[in-house]
Amino acid sequence: MNRYDLHTHSTASDGTLSPSELVRRAHSRGVEVMAITDHDCTDGIAEAMAEAEKVGLTLIPGVEMSVTWEEGQLLHVVGLRIDPGNPLLQEGLERLHRFRFWRAQEMGRRLLACGIAGAFEGARALAKGNIVSRTHFARFLVATGNCRDMNDAFERFLVPGKPGYVAGEWATLAECIHWIRKAGGQAVLAHPLRYPLTAPRLRRLFEQFRELGGEGIEVIAPNTNGTHTLAQHARTFGFAGSLGSDFHSCESPHTDIGLRENLPNGIRPIWEHW
């Protein structure tokens, strides 16, 4: 059986490895089929595809899109097997890019107001691609000695209620799934148990996701400890199962690329008809 990792990030968004380095690391760790799914952009796909051909790895073009759902809840939806050249998809991503740039500027202004100068410029300098994210701000805060580590940076400055946080105005769930499907892709709800949702709201999310054309959920994802629960949800709602490390950097062994688990028995894989 092939080893899959269908959720990874490169320097095109907030990862620390270039697309080529990401592919080589995946290959060295035994991954045979990998999706590159950078946040709200497809900039790394061409480089990753070229490297994958060199090393003999199957590269799935993908994206991880930011969604604002009920009452401002942030969700992430992974699009797999997309056509990165699709005009409608790129139009949607460009809208998200514009908001991301404004948000980064606003985060810089808010951090300046609490005595931390140069945060926007510093975060932008740390971003290797066109996406400036909270992760880059966190790295800046650690590098400048304002925080002990990444967790400290998020907890003190970058989560709701903290001085550097700016709420997102992302795509709607309907828009996101529509863009992915029009680009020929499959929409997968990323790490469903990470969202702070009650059981009734989670069921409502699954129902809406299915009704709008979502095809799968990540049954295996890091830092969730809920594979059995997610497998039950996949069966109940008729979703295909996906899996991914959500790899960003080599710093955490718990989210390194190349999962060692397989989908539970009876779960239809998202790659069934690839």
Protein backbone atom coordinates (compact mmCIF):
# COMPACT_ATOMS: atom_id res chain seq x y z
CA MET A 1 0.00 0.00 0.00
CA ASN A 2 1.26 3.46 -0.88
CA ARG A 3 2.09 5.85 1.94
CA TYR A 4 0.14 9.07 1.67
CA ASP A 5 0.55 12.52 3.24
CA LEU A 6 -2.12 14.85 1.90
CA HIS A 7 -1.60 17.98 4.02
CA THR A 8 1.77 19.77 3.94
CA HIS A 9 3.09 23.34 3.84
CA SER A 10 6.13 24.97 2.25
CA THR A 11 7.73 28.41 2.26
CA ALA A 12 5.08 29.44 -0.27
CA SER A 13 2.93 30.00 2.83
CA ASP A 14 4.11 29.43 6.41
CA GLY A 15 6.30 26.34 6.16
CA THR A 16 10.06 26.40 6.68
CA LEU A 17 11.09 24.17 3.75
CA SER A 18 11.00 25.20 0.12
CA PRO A 19 8.69 23.17 -2.11
CA SER A 20 11.69 21.19 -3.40
CA GLU A 21 13.01 20.56 0.11
CA LEU A 22 9.53 19.52 1.21
CA VAL A 23 9.32 16.91 -1.54
CA ARG A 24 12.80 15.57 -0.79
CA ARG A 25 12.02 15.25 2.91
CA ALA A 26 8.76 13.45 2.14
CA HIS A 27 10.58 11.05 -0.16
CA SER A 28 13.33 10.41 2.40
CA ARG A 29 10.66 9.52 4.97
CA GLY A 30 8.97 6.98 2.75
CA VAL A 31 6.04 9.06 1.46
CA GLU A 32 4.98 7.92 -2.00
CA VAL A 33 1.98 10.22 -2.60
CA MET A 34 2.10 13.76 -1.22
CA ALA A 35 -0.13 16.80 -1.54
CA ILE A 36 1.30 20.28 -1.18
CA THR A 37 -1.45 22.36 0.43
CA ASP A 38 -0.17 25.83 1.23
CA HIS A 39 -2.46 28.33 2.90
CA ASP A 40 -4.55 30.25 0.37
CA CYS A 41 -2.01 29.95 -2.43
CA THR A 42 -0.77 27.58 -5.11
CA ASP A 43 2.61 29.24 -5.65
CA GLY A 44 4.69 26.22 -4.63
CA ILE A 45 3.03 23.61 -6.82
CA ALA A 46 5.15 23.97 -9.98
CA GLU A 47 8.46 23.69 -8.09
CA ALA A 48 7.19 20.77 -6.03
CA MET A 49 5.91 18.98 -9.13
CA ALA A 50 9.28 19.30 -10.88
CA GLU A 51 11.14 17.92 -7.86
CA ALA A 52 8.63 15.09 -7.43
CA GLU A 53 9.28 13.94 -10.98
CA LYS A 54 13.02 13.83 -10.22
CA VAL A 55 12.70 11.67 -7.10
CA GLY A 56 9.81 9.48 -8.25
CA LEU A 57 7.15 10.74 -5.85
CA THR A 58 3.55 11.35 -6.89
CA LEU A 59 2.69 14.99 -6.20
CA ILE A 60 -0.94 16.00 -5.73
CA PRO A 61 -1.61 19.70 -6.39
CA GLY A 62 -3.56 21.17 -3.51
CA VAL A 63 -4.39 24.17 -1.36
CA GLU A 64 -5.62 24.80 2.18
CA MET A 65 -8.25 27.51 2.16
CA SER A 66 -9.36 29.74 5.04
CA VAL A 67 -13.10 29.85 5.74
CA THR A 68 -15.24 31.94 8.06
CA TRP A 69 -18.17 29.85 9.27
CA GLU A 70 -20.96 30.54 11.78
CA GLU A 71 -20.25 33.30 14.33
CA GLY A 72 -16.78 33.96 12.96
CA GLN A 73 -15.41 30.43 13.40
CA LEU A 74 -12.24 29.88 11.36
CA LEU A 75 -12.18 26.62 9.41
CA HIS A 76 -9.62 25.14 7.03
CA VAL A 77 -10.64 23.23 3.92
CA VAL A 78 -8.09 21.32 1.88
CA GLY A 79 -8.57 21.14 -1.88
CA LEU A 80 -6.95 18.08 -3.49
CA ARG A 81 -6.24 17.43 -7.17
CA ILE A 82 -7.03 21.00 -8.11
CA ASP A 83 -6.10 22.70 -11.37
CA PRO A 84 -3.94 25.57 -10.05
CA GLY A 85 -4.52 27.49 -13.26
CA ASN A 86 -8.28 27.63 -12.85
CA PRO A 87 -9.34 31.31 -13.14
CA LEU A 88 -12.18 31.14 -10.61
CA LEU A 89 -9.95 29.51 -8.00
CA GLN A 90 -7.22 32.07 -8.54
CA GLU A 91 -9.69 34.94 -8.35
CA GLY A 92 -10.84 33.65 -4.97
CA LEU A 93 -7.28 33.18 -3.73
CA GLU A 94 -6.37 36.70 -4.84
CA ARG A 95 -9.21 38.04 -2.69
CA LEU A 96 -7.83 36.14 0.29
CA HIS A 97 -4.31 37.43 -0.47
CA ARG A 98 -5.52 41.04 -0.36
CA PHE A 99 -7.18 40.49 2.99
CA ARG A 100 -4.14 38.69 4.37
CA PHE A 101 -1.91 41.63 3.45
CA TRP A 102 -4.23 44.14 5.13
CA ARG A 103 -4.54 41.91 8.19
CA ALA A 104 -0.76 41.65 8.50
CA GLN A 105 -0.44 45.42 8.37
CA GLU A 106 -3.14 45.78 11.03
CA MET A 107 -1.43 43.21 13.25
CA GLY A 108 1.74 45.25 12.98
CA ARG A 109 -0.14 48.41 13.97
CA ARG A 110 -1.70 46.70 16.99
CA LEU A 111 1.60 45.27 18.17
CA LEU A 112 3.20 48.70 17.79
CA ALA A 113 0.46 50.12 20.03
CA CYS A 114 1.60 47.78 22.82
CA GLY A 115 5.27 48.67 22.39
CA ILE A 116 6.55 46.17 19.81
CA ALA A 117 7.96 48.05 16.84
CA GLY A 118 8.72 46.66 13.39
CA ALA A 119 6.50 43.59 13.65
CA PHE A 120 4.96 43.85 10.19
CA GLU A 121 8.30 44.45 8.52
CA GLY A 122 9.92 41.69 10.55
CA ALA A 123 7.19 39.16 9.80
CA ARG A 124 7.25 40.05 6.12
CA ALA A 125 11.03 39.57 6.02
CA LEU A 126 10.61 36.08 7.49
CA ALA A 127 8.03 35.12 4.88
CA LYS A 128 9.72 33.46 1.91
CA GLY A 129 6.57 33.65 -0.23
CA ASN A 130 3.68 36.06 -0.71
CA ILE A 131 1.75 34.93 2.38
CA VAL A 132 2.36 36.72 5.69
CA SER A 133 0.67 34.79 8.49
CA ARG A 134 0.40 34.74 12.27
CA THR A 135 3.16 32.11 12.21
CA HIS A 136 5.58 34.66 10.75
CA PHE A 137 4.61 37.17 13.46
CA ALA A 138 5.18 34.50 16.09
CA ARG A 139 8.64 33.76 14.68
CA PHE A 140 9.43 37.49 14.74
CA LEU A 141 8.33 37.78 18.38
CA VAL A 142 10.57 34.87 19.36
CA ALA A 143 13.54 36.10 17.31
CA THR A 144 13.36 39.56 18.91
CA GLY A 145 13.17 38.17 22.45
CA ASN A 146 9.63 39.31 23.09
CA CYS A 147 8.48 35.71 23.62
CA ARG A 148 10.06 32.47 24.82
CA ASP A 149 8.78 30.27 22.02
CA MET A 150 6.05 29.97 19.40
CA ASN A 151 3.39 28.84 21.88
CA ASP A 152 4.18 31.81 24.12
CA ALA A 153 3.90 34.18 21.14
CA PHE A 154 0.49 32.89 20.15
CA GLU A 155 -0.87 32.74 23.69
CA ARG A 156 0.26 36.26 24.64
CA PHE A 157 -0.30 38.13 21.38
CA LEU A 158 -1.88 36.25 18.49
CA VAL A 159 -5.08 34.52 19.59
CA PRO A 160 -8.55 36.03 20.10
CA GLY A 161 -8.61 38.57 22.91
CA LYS A 162 -4.86 39.27 22.70
CA PRO A 163 -3.36 42.55 21.44
CA GLY A 164 -1.99 41.38 18.09
CA TYR A 165 -5.00 39.33 16.98
CA VAL A 166 -7.08 40.44 14.01
CA ALA A 167 -10.18 38.44 13.19
CA GLY A 168 -10.37 36.95 9.71
CA GLU A 169 -12.83 37.76 6.97
CA TRP A 170 -12.29 34.69 4.85
CA ALA A 171 -14.26 32.84 2.19
CA THR A 172 -17.63 31.37 3.06
CA LEU A 173 -17.87 27.61 3.18
CA ALA A 174 -20.03 27.63 0.05
CA GLU A 175 -17.54 29.82 -1.85
CA CYS A 176 -14.56 27.70 -0.84
CA ILE A 177 -16.11 24.40 -1.89
CA HIS A 178 -17.41 25.94 -5.12
CA TRP A 179 -13.94 27.22 -6.04
CA ILE A 180 -12.34 23.85 -5.32
CA ARG A 181 -14.92 21.90 -7.31
CA LYS A 182 -14.75 24.29 -10.27
CA ALA A 183 -10.99 23.71 -10.27
CA GLY A 184 -11.65 19.98 -10.61
CA GLY A 185 -10.69 19.23 -7.01
CA GLN A 186 -12.07 17.44 -3.99
CA ALA A 187 -12.90 19.39 -0.83
CA VAL A 188 -11.71 17.87 2.47
CA LEU A 189 -12.42 19.35 5.90
CA ALA A 190 -9.07 19.66 7.68
CA HIS A 191 -8.55 18.40 11.26
CA PRO A 192 -12.25 18.65 12.32
CA LEU A 193 -11.63 18.09 16.04
CA ARG A 194 -9.32 21.07 16.43
CA TYR A 195 -12.17 23.54 16.15
CA PRO A 196 -13.83 24.54 19.46
CA LEU A 197 -17.26 23.23 18.44
CA THR A 198 -19.91 21.56 20.54
CA ALA A 199 -21.13 18.17 19.34
CA PRO A 200 -24.32 19.66 17.79
CA ARG A 201 -22.35 22.36 15.94
CA LEU A 202 -19.86 19.81 14.67
CA ARG A 203 -22.71 17.70 13.30
CA ARG A 204 -24.21 20.81 11.68
CA LEU A 205 -20.84 21.58 10.10
CA PHE A 206 -20.59 18.06 8.69
CA GLU A 207 -24.15 18.31 7.33
CA GLN A 208 -23.50 21.65 5.62
CA PHE A 209 -20.14 20.51 4.31
CA ARG A 210 -21.76 17.45 2.71
CA GLU A 211 -24.71 19.42 1.29
CA LEU A 212 -22.36 21.94 -0.32
CA GLY A 213 -20.33 19.24 -2.05
CA GLY A 214 -17.56 18.46 0.43
CA GLU A 215 -16.28 14.95 -0.19
CA GLY A 216 -14.03 14.06 2.71
CA ILE A 217 -12.69 14.76 6.18
CA GLU A 218 -9.25 14.22 7.64
CA VAL A 219 -9.67 11.10 9.72
CA ILE A 220 -6.01 11.05 10.70
CA ALA A 221 -4.41 14.37 11.64
CA PRO A 222 -1.78 15.31 14.25
CA ASN A 223 -2.66 16.56 17.72
CA THR A 224 -6.26 15.36 17.65
CA ASN A 225 -6.30 11.87 19.27
CA GLY A 226 -9.68 11.31 17.71
CA THR A 227 -9.19 8.87 14.85
CA HIS A 228 -11.90 6.51 16.11
CA THR A 229 -14.38 9.38 16.55
CA LEU A 230 -13.60 10.86 13.14
CA ALA A 231 -13.94 7.44 11.50
CA GLN A 232 -17.42 7.18 13.01
CA HIS A 233 -18.32 10.61 11.64
CA ALA A 234 -17.01 9.66 8.21
CA ARG A 235 -19.23 6.57 8.18
CA THR A 236 -22.27 8.46 9.49
CA PHE A 237 -22.09 11.26 6.94
CA GLY A 238 -20.73 9.24 4.04
CA PHE A 239 -17.41 11.05 3.78
CA ALA A 240 -14.25 9.67 2.28
CA GLY A 241 -11.30 9.65 4.63
CA SER A 242 -8.11 11.63 4.17
CA LEU A 243 -4.93 11.89 6.22
CA GLY A 244 -2.10 14.36 6.54
CA SER A 245 0.67 15.51 8.83
CA ASP A 246 -0.09 19.25 8.46
CA PHE A 247 3.68 19.56 8.23
CA HIS A 248 5.15 23.06 8.65
CA SER A 249 8.68 22.51 9.96
CA CYS A 250 11.10 19.89 11.22
CA GLU A 251 11.01 21.34 14.73
CA SER A 252 8.17 19.15 16.00
CA PRO A 253 8.53 15.36 15.69
CA HIS A 254 4.78 14.99 16.30
CA THR A 255 3.93 16.71 13.03
CA ASP A 256 6.81 15.60 10.85
CA ILE A 257 5.96 14.64 7.32
CA GLY A 258 5.10 11.00 6.67
CA LEU A 259 2.38 9.56 8.86
CA ARG A 260 2.80 6.01 10.14
CA GLU A 261 -0.92 5.30 10.39
CA ASN A 262 -3.35 3.92 7.83
CA LEU A 263 -7.01 4.77 7.53
CA PRO A 264 -9.20 2.58 9.77
CA ASN A 265 -10.86 -0.43 8.17
CA GLY A 266 -14.06 0.36 6.36
CA ILE A 267 -13.19 3.99 5.60
CA ARG A 268 -13.32 4.81 1.90
CA PRO A 269 -10.10 6.66 1.01
CA ILE A 270 -10.29 10.03 -0.72
CA TRP A 271 -7.87 8.65 -3.33
CA GLU A 272 -10.14 5.70 -4.19
CA HIS A 273 -10.70 6.82 -7.79
CA TRP A 274 -7.39 8.59 -8.44
